[in-house]
Structures are given as C-alpha cells and as structure tokens.
C-alpha cells in the first residue's frame, strides 16, 4: 500500500511539471487517502467493513 502512495505522489509531481493543477490536487488527496488506509490496515482496521467504529454507527449514536 505504501508503494501506491509513492506512485501517486510521483504522478502528482509529473502533473505539476505539466501545470495540470487540478490533477495535482486530486492525486494529492488520493495519496493522503491511501496513506490513511495503509495506516488503518496496519492496525487491523478495515474501513470498508461495517463495524462498531464506522462513521455511520458513530453518527447514529450521537443522534
């Protein structure tokens, strides 16, 4: 997963050189998202599965 982050950031760097700024923003966001996913995965948290830590369940508990 960490290699995906590096790859996306390298792609963003190439887009920056070509002045494709919208792509740079999107790719930077994707790199950050992939880094968070990798960190969660290292802690054995799967954000794709519904569980007690999901946003929806947390939001439902507040309301």
PDB file of N, CA and C in Angstrom:
ATOM      1  N   UNK A   1       0.828  -1.194   0.000  1.00  0.00           N
ATOM      2  CA  UNK A   1       0.000   0.000   0.000  1.00  0.00           C
ATOM      3  C   UNK A   1       0.869   1.254   0.000  1.00  0.00           C
ATOM      4  N   UNK A   2       1.992   1.202   0.719  1.00  0.00           N
ATOM      5  CA  UNK A   2       2.857   2.378   0.773  1.00  0.00           C
ATOM      6  C   UNK A   2       3.444   2.709  -0.597  1.00  0.00           C
ATOM      7  N   UNK A   3       3.670   1.677  -1.408  1.00  0.00           N
ATOM      8  CA  UNK A   3       4.175   1.930  -2.757  1.00  0.00           C
ATOM      9  C   UNK A   3       3.136   2.662  -3.603  1.00  0.00           C
ATOM     10  N   UNK A   4       1.875   2.424  -3.328  1.00  0.00           N
ATOM     11  CA  UNK A   4       0.811   3.140  -4.040  1.00  0.00           C
ATOM     12  C   UNK A   4       0.894   4.625  -3.714  1.00  0.00           C
ATOM     13  N   UNK A   5       1.136   4.958  -2.453  1.00  0.00           N
ATOM     14  CA  UNK A   5       1.255   6.360  -2.045  1.00  0.00           C
ATOM     15  C   UNK A   5       2.412   7.020  -2.788  1.00  0.00           C
ATOM     16  N   UNK A   6       3.550   6.350  -2.837  1.00  0.00           N
ATOM     17  CA  UNK A   6       4.720   6.891  -3.535  1.00  0.00           C
ATOM     18  C   UNK A   6       4.423   7.062  -5.027  1.00  0.00           C
ATOM     19  N   UNK A   7       3.777   6.083  -5.618  1.00  0.00           N
ATOM     20  CA  UNK A   7       3.448   6.153  -7.038  1.00  0.00           C
ATOM     21  C   UNK A   7       2.508   7.321  -7.344  1.00  0.00           C
ATOM     22  N   UNK A   8       1.511   7.498  -6.513  1.00  0.00           N
ATOM     23  CA  UNK A   8       0.545   8.587  -6.724  1.00  0.00           C
ATOM     24  C   UNK A   8       1.228   9.939  -6.572  1.00  0.00           C
ATOM     25  N   UNK A   9       2.121  10.059  -5.582  1.00  0.00           N
ATOM     26  CA  UNK A   9       2.837  11.320  -5.395  1.00  0.00           C
ATOM     27  C   UNK A   9       3.792  11.606  -6.557  1.00  0.00           C
ATOM     28  N   UNK A  10       4.419  10.577  -7.089  1.00  0.00           N
ATOM     29  CA  UNK A  10       5.283  10.755  -8.262  1.00  0.00           C
ATOM     30  C   UNK A  10       4.457  11.209  -9.461  1.00  0.00           C
ATOM     31  N   UNK A  11       3.285  10.628  -9.606  1.00  0.00           N
ATOM     32  CA  UNK A  11       2.389  11.027 -10.692  1.00  0.00           C
ATOM     33  C   UNK A  11       1.971  12.486 -10.512  1.00  0.00           C
ATOM     34  N   UNK A  12       1.689  12.890  -9.284  1.00  0.00           N
ATOM     35  CA  UNK A  12       1.326  14.282  -9.000  1.00  0.00           C
ATOM     36  C   UNK A  12       2.479  15.218  -9.349  1.00  0.00           C
ATOM     37  N   UNK A  13       3.684  14.777  -9.077  1.00  0.00           N
ATOM     38  CA  UNK A  13       4.859  15.591  -9.401  1.00  0.00           C
ATOM     39  C   UNK A  13       4.977  15.797 -10.916  1.00  0.00           C
ATOM     40  N   UNK A  14       4.742  14.743 -11.676  1.00  0.00           N
ATOM     41  CA  UNK A  14       4.761  14.867 -13.146  1.00  0.00           C
ATOM     42  C   UNK A  14       3.671  15.819 -13.634  1.00  0.00           C
ATOM     43  N   UNK A  15       2.496  15.728 -13.024  1.00  0.00           N
ATOM     44  CA  UNK A  15       1.391  16.611 -13.418  1.00  0.00           C
ATOM     45  C   UNK A  15       1.719  18.068 -13.079  1.00  0.00           C
ATOM     46  N   UNK A  16       2.416  18.287 -11.963  1.00  0.00           N
ATOM     47  CA  UNK A  16       2.802  19.639 -11.571  1.00  0.00           C
ATOM     48  C   UNK A  16       3.726  20.254 -12.624  1.00  0.00           C
ATOM     49  N   UNK A  17       4.654  19.455 -13.120  1.00  0.00           N
ATOM     50  CA  UNK A  17       5.581  19.943 -14.152  1.00  0.00           C
ATOM     51  C   UNK A  17       4.837  20.317 -15.427  1.00  0.00           C
ATOM     52  N   UNK A  18       3.714  19.636 -15.681  1.00  0.00           N
ATOM     53  CA  UNK A  18       2.898  19.935 -16.868  1.00  0.00           C
ATOM     54  C   UNK A  18       1.823  20.980 -16.579  1.00  0.00           C
ATOM     55  N   UNK A  19       1.848  21.542 -15.368  1.00  0.00           N
ATOM     56  CA  UNK A  19       0.905  22.577 -14.945  1.00  0.00           C
ATOM     57  C   UNK A  19      -0.553  22.104 -14.969  1.00  0.00           C
ATOM     58  N   UNK A  20      -0.750  20.832 -14.656  1.00  0.00           N
ATOM     59  CA  UNK A  20      -2.097  20.259 -14.561  1.00  0.00           C
ATOM     60  C   UNK A  20      -2.504  20.283 -13.085  1.00  0.00           C
ATOM     61  N   UNK A  21      -2.816  21.464 -12.605  1.00  0.00           N
ATOM     62  CA  UNK A  21      -3.002  21.684 -11.168  1.00  0.00           C
ATOM     63  C   UNK A  21      -4.215  20.969 -10.586  1.00  0.00           C
ATOM     64  N   UNK A  22      -5.289  20.862 -11.359  1.00  0.00           N
ATOM     65  CA  UNK A  22      -6.458  20.129 -10.850  1.00  0.00           C
ATOM     66  C   UNK A  22      -6.104  18.663 -10.594  1.00  0.00           C
ATOM     67  N   UNK A  23      -5.336  18.082 -11.489  1.00  0.00           N
ATOM     68  CA  UNK A  23      -4.899  16.697 -11.315  1.00  0.00           C
ATOM     69  C   UNK A  23      -3.981  16.565 -10.105  1.00  0.00           C
ATOM     70  N   UNK A  24      -3.132  17.558  -9.887  1.00  0.00           N
ATOM     71  CA  UNK A  24      -2.227  17.537  -8.736  1.00  0.00           C
ATOM     72  C   UNK A  24      -3.031  17.490  -7.440  1.00  0.00           C
ATOM     73  N   UNK A  25      -4.057  18.313  -7.353  1.00  0.00           N
ATOM     74  CA  UNK A  25      -4.899  18.336  -6.153  1.00  0.00           C
ATOM     75  C   UNK A  25      -5.585  16.992  -5.949  1.00  0.00           C
ATOM     76  N   UNK A  26      -6.159  16.448  -7.007  1.00  0.00           N
ATOM     77  CA  UNK A  26      -6.851  15.161  -6.893  1.00  0.00           C
ATOM     78  C   UNK A  26      -5.890  14.042  -6.504  1.00  0.00           C
ATOM     79  N   UNK A  27      -4.723  14.022  -7.125  1.00  0.00           N
ATOM     80  CA  UNK A  27      -3.763  12.973  -6.820  1.00  0.00           C
ATOM     81  C   UNK A  27      -3.197  13.124  -5.408  1.00  0.00           C
ATOM     82  N   UNK A  28      -3.009  14.350  -4.969  1.00  0.00           N
ATOM     83  CA  UNK A  28      -2.519  14.572  -3.604  1.00  0.00           C
ATOM     84  C   UNK A  28      -3.543  14.084  -2.583  1.00  0.00           C
ATOM     85  N   UNK A  29      -4.800  14.355  -2.849  1.00  0.00           N
ATOM     86  CA  UNK A  29      -5.868  13.868  -1.974  1.00  0.00           C
ATOM     87  C   UNK A  29      -5.866  12.341  -1.960  1.00  0.00           C
ATOM     88  N   UNK A  30      -5.706  11.738  -3.134  1.00  0.00           N
ATOM     89  CA  UNK A  30      -5.695  10.274  -3.230  1.00  0.00           C
ATOM     90  C   UNK A  30      -4.516   9.687  -2.469  1.00  0.00           C
ATOM     91  N   UNK A  31      -3.362  10.353  -2.540  1.00  0.00           N
ATOM     92  CA  UNK A  31      -2.183   9.876  -1.803  1.00  0.00           C
ATOM     93  C   UNK A  31      -2.440   9.916  -0.302  1.00  0.00           C
ATOM     94  N   UNK A  32      -3.045  11.000   0.162  1.00  0.00           N
ATOM     95  CA  UNK A  32      -3.361  11.109   1.591  1.00  0.00           C
ATOM     96  C   UNK A  32      -4.351  10.024   1.994  1.00  0.00           C
ATOM     97  N   UNK A  33      -5.342   9.798   1.171  1.00  0.00           N
ATOM     98  CA  UNK A  33      -6.340   8.767   1.454  1.00  0.00           C
ATOM     99  C   UNK A  33      -5.692   7.381   1.508  1.00  0.00           C
ATOM    100  N   UNK A  34      -4.796   7.102   0.577  1.00  0.00           N
ATOM    101  CA  UNK A  34      -4.117   5.804   0.558  1.00  0.00           C
ATOM    102  C   UNK A  34      -3.213   5.646   1.783  1.00  0.00           C
ATOM    103  N   UNK A  35      -2.572   6.732   2.214  1.00  0.00           N
ATOM    104  CA  UNK A  35      -1.720   6.671   3.407  1.00  0.00           C
ATOM    105  C   UNK A  35      -2.551   6.354   4.648  1.00  0.00           C
ATOM    106  N   UNK A  36      -3.715   6.963   4.754  1.00  0.00           N
ATOM    107  CA  UNK A  36      -4.600   6.694   5.898  1.00  0.00           C
ATOM    108  C   UNK A  36      -5.076   5.243   5.854  1.00  0.00           C
ATOM    109  N   UNK A  37      -5.460   4.781   4.667  1.00  0.00           N
ATOM    110  CA  UNK A  37      -5.901   3.392   4.539  1.00  0.00           C
ATOM    111  C   UNK A  37      -4.793   2.427   4.950  1.00  0.00           C
ATOM    112  N   UNK A  38      -3.554   2.719   4.542  1.00  0.00           N
ATOM    113  CA  UNK A  38      -2.425   1.861   4.897  1.00  0.00           C
ATOM    114  C   UNK A  38      -2.226   1.846   6.407  1.00  0.00           C
ATOM    115  N   UNK A  39      -2.343   2.999   7.029  1.00  0.00           N
ATOM    116  CA  UNK A  39      -2.180   3.087   8.482  1.00  0.00           C
ATOM    117  C   UNK A  39      -3.279   2.303   9.196  1.00  0.00           C
ATOM    118  N   UNK A  40      -4.500   2.440   8.747  1.00  0.00           N
ATOM    119  CA  UNK A  40      -5.603   1.678   9.344  1.00  0.00           C
ATOM    120  C   UNK A  40      -5.376   0.178   9.181  1.00  0.00           C
ATOM    121  N   UNK A  41      -4.926  -0.218   7.987  1.00  0.00           N
ATOM    122  CA  UNK A  41      -4.690  -1.631   7.706  1.00  0.00           C
ATOM    123  C   UNK A  41      -3.610  -2.196   8.625  1.00  0.00           C
ATOM    124  N   UNK A  42      -2.568  -1.398   8.896  1.00  0.00           N
ATOM    125  CA  UNK A  42      -1.510  -1.851   9.800  1.00  0.00           C
ATOM    126  C   UNK A  42      -2.040  -2.100  11.212  1.00  0.00           C
ATOM    127  N   UNK A  43      -3.107  -1.402  11.576  1.00  0.00           N
ATOM    128  CA  UNK A  43      -3.723  -1.583  12.892  1.00  0.00           C
ATOM    129  C   UNK A  43      -4.910  -2.546  12.844  1.00  0.00           C
ATOM    130  N   UNK A  44      -4.984  -3.301  11.753  1.00  0.00           N
ATOM    131  CA  UNK A  44      -6.037  -4.330  11.591  1.00  0.00           C
ATOM    132  C   UNK A  44      -7.444  -3.735  11.569  1.00  0.00           C
ATOM    133  N   UNK A  45      -7.567  -2.520  11.037  1.00  0.00           N
ATOM    134  CA  UNK A  45      -8.875  -1.875  10.901  1.00  0.00           C
ATOM    135  C   UNK A  45      -9.218  -1.829   9.425  1.00  0.00           C
ATOM    136  N   UNK A  46     -10.331  -2.433   9.061  1.00  0.00           N
ATOM    137  CA  UNK A  46     -10.784  -2.439   7.679  1.00  0.00           C
ATOM    138  C   UNK A  46     -11.903  -1.419   7.548  1.00  0.00           C
ATOM    139  N   UNK A  47     -11.614  -0.316   6.894  1.00  0.00           N
ATOM    140  CA  UNK A  47     -12.603   0.760   6.785  1.00  0.00           C
ATOM    141  C   UNK A  47     -13.706   0.452   5.785  1.00  0.00           C
ATOM    142  N   UNK A  48     -13.575  -0.629   5.048  1.00  0.00           N
ATOM    143  CA  UNK A  48     -14.606  -0.976   4.068  1.00  0.00           C
ATOM    144  C   UNK A  48     -15.720  -1.819   4.675  1.00  0.00           C
ATOM    145  N   UNK A  49     -15.481  -2.362   5.858  1.00  0.00           N
ATOM    146  CA  UNK A  49     -16.487  -3.194   6.504  1.00  0.00           C
ATOM    147  C   UNK A  49     -17.265  -2.381   7.529  1.00  0.00           C
ATOM    148  N   UNK A  50     -18.534  -2.658   7.630  1.00  0.00           N
ATOM    149  CA  UNK A  50     -19.366  -2.011   8.654  1.00  0.00           C
ATOM    150  C   UNK A  50     -19.043  -2.657   9.996  1.00  0.00           C
ATOM    151  N   UNK A  51     -18.677  -1.842  10.954  1.00  0.00           N
ATOM    152  CA  UNK A  51     -18.390  -2.360  12.284  1.00  0.00           C
ATOM    153  C   UNK A  51     -18.710  -1.282  13.315  1.00  0.00           C
ATOM    154  N   UNK A  52     -18.401  -1.550  14.535  1.00  0.00           N
ATOM    155  CA  UNK A  52     -18.760  -0.606  15.594  1.00  0.00           C
ATOM    156  C   UNK A  52     -18.014   0.712  15.487  1.00  0.00           C
ATOM    157  N   UNK A  53     -16.943   0.784  14.711  1.00  0.00           N
ATOM    158  CA  UNK A  53     -16.165   2.003  14.581  1.00  0.00           C
ATOM    159  C   UNK A  53     -16.510   2.797  13.326  1.00  0.00           C
ATOM    160  N   UNK A  54     -17.519   2.373  12.589  1.00  0.00           N
ATOM    161  CA  UNK A  54     -17.836   3.056  11.340  1.00  0.00           C
ATOM    162  C   UNK A  54     -18.432   4.444  11.597  1.00  0.00           C
ATOM    163  N   UNK A  55     -18.283   5.311  10.631  1.00  0.00           N
ATOM    164  CA  UNK A  55     -18.811   6.663  10.739  1.00  0.00           C
ATOM    165  C   UNK A  55     -20.317   6.643  10.931  1.00  0.00           C
ATOM    166  N   UNK A  56     -21.013   5.826  10.141  1.00  0.00           N
ATOM    167  CA  UNK A  56     -22.472   5.779  10.225  1.00  0.00           C
ATOM    168  C   UNK A  56     -22.909   5.347  11.620  1.00  0.00           C
ATOM    169  N   UNK A  57     -22.292   4.317  12.161  1.00  0.00           N
ATOM    170  CA  UNK A  57     -22.668   3.869  13.505  1.00  0.00           C
ATOM    171  C   UNK A  57     -22.367   4.927  14.547  1.00  0.00           C
ATOM    172  N   UNK A  58     -21.224   5.594  14.413  1.00  0.00           N
ATOM    173  CA  UNK A  58     -20.893   6.670  15.345  1.00  0.00           C
ATOM    174  C   UNK A  58     -21.856   7.821  15.244  1.00  0.00           C
ATOM    175  N   UNK A  59     -22.254   8.159  14.032  1.00  0.00           N
ATOM    176  CA  UNK A  59     -23.199   9.248  13.809  1.00  0.00           C
ATOM    177  C   UNK A  59     -24.566   8.878  14.378  1.00  0.00           C
ATOM    178  N   UNK A  60     -24.969   7.634  14.161  1.00  0.00           N
ATOM    179  CA  UNK A  60     -26.267   7.177  14.698  1.00  0.00           C
ATOM    180  C   UNK A  60     -26.291   7.243  16.233  1.00  0.00           C
ATOM    181  N   UNK A  61     -25.170   6.957  16.871  1.00  0.00           N
ATOM    182  CA  UNK A  61     -25.116   7.010  18.331  1.00  0.00           C
ATOM    183  C   UNK A  61     -25.264   8.433  18.859  1.00  0.00           C
ATOM    184  N   UNK A  62     -24.800   9.405  18.089  1.00  0.00           N
ATOM    185  CA  UNK A  62     -24.911  10.812  18.502  1.00  0.00           C
ATOM    186  C   UNK A  62     -26.357  11.267  18.455  1.00  0.00           C
ATOM    187  N   UNK A  63     -27.083  10.863  17.423  1.00  0.00           N
ATOM    188  CA  UNK A  63     -28.481  11.311  17.242  1.00  0.00           C
ATOM    189  C   UNK A  63     -29.425  10.489  18.011  1.00  0.00           C
TER     190      UNK A  63
END
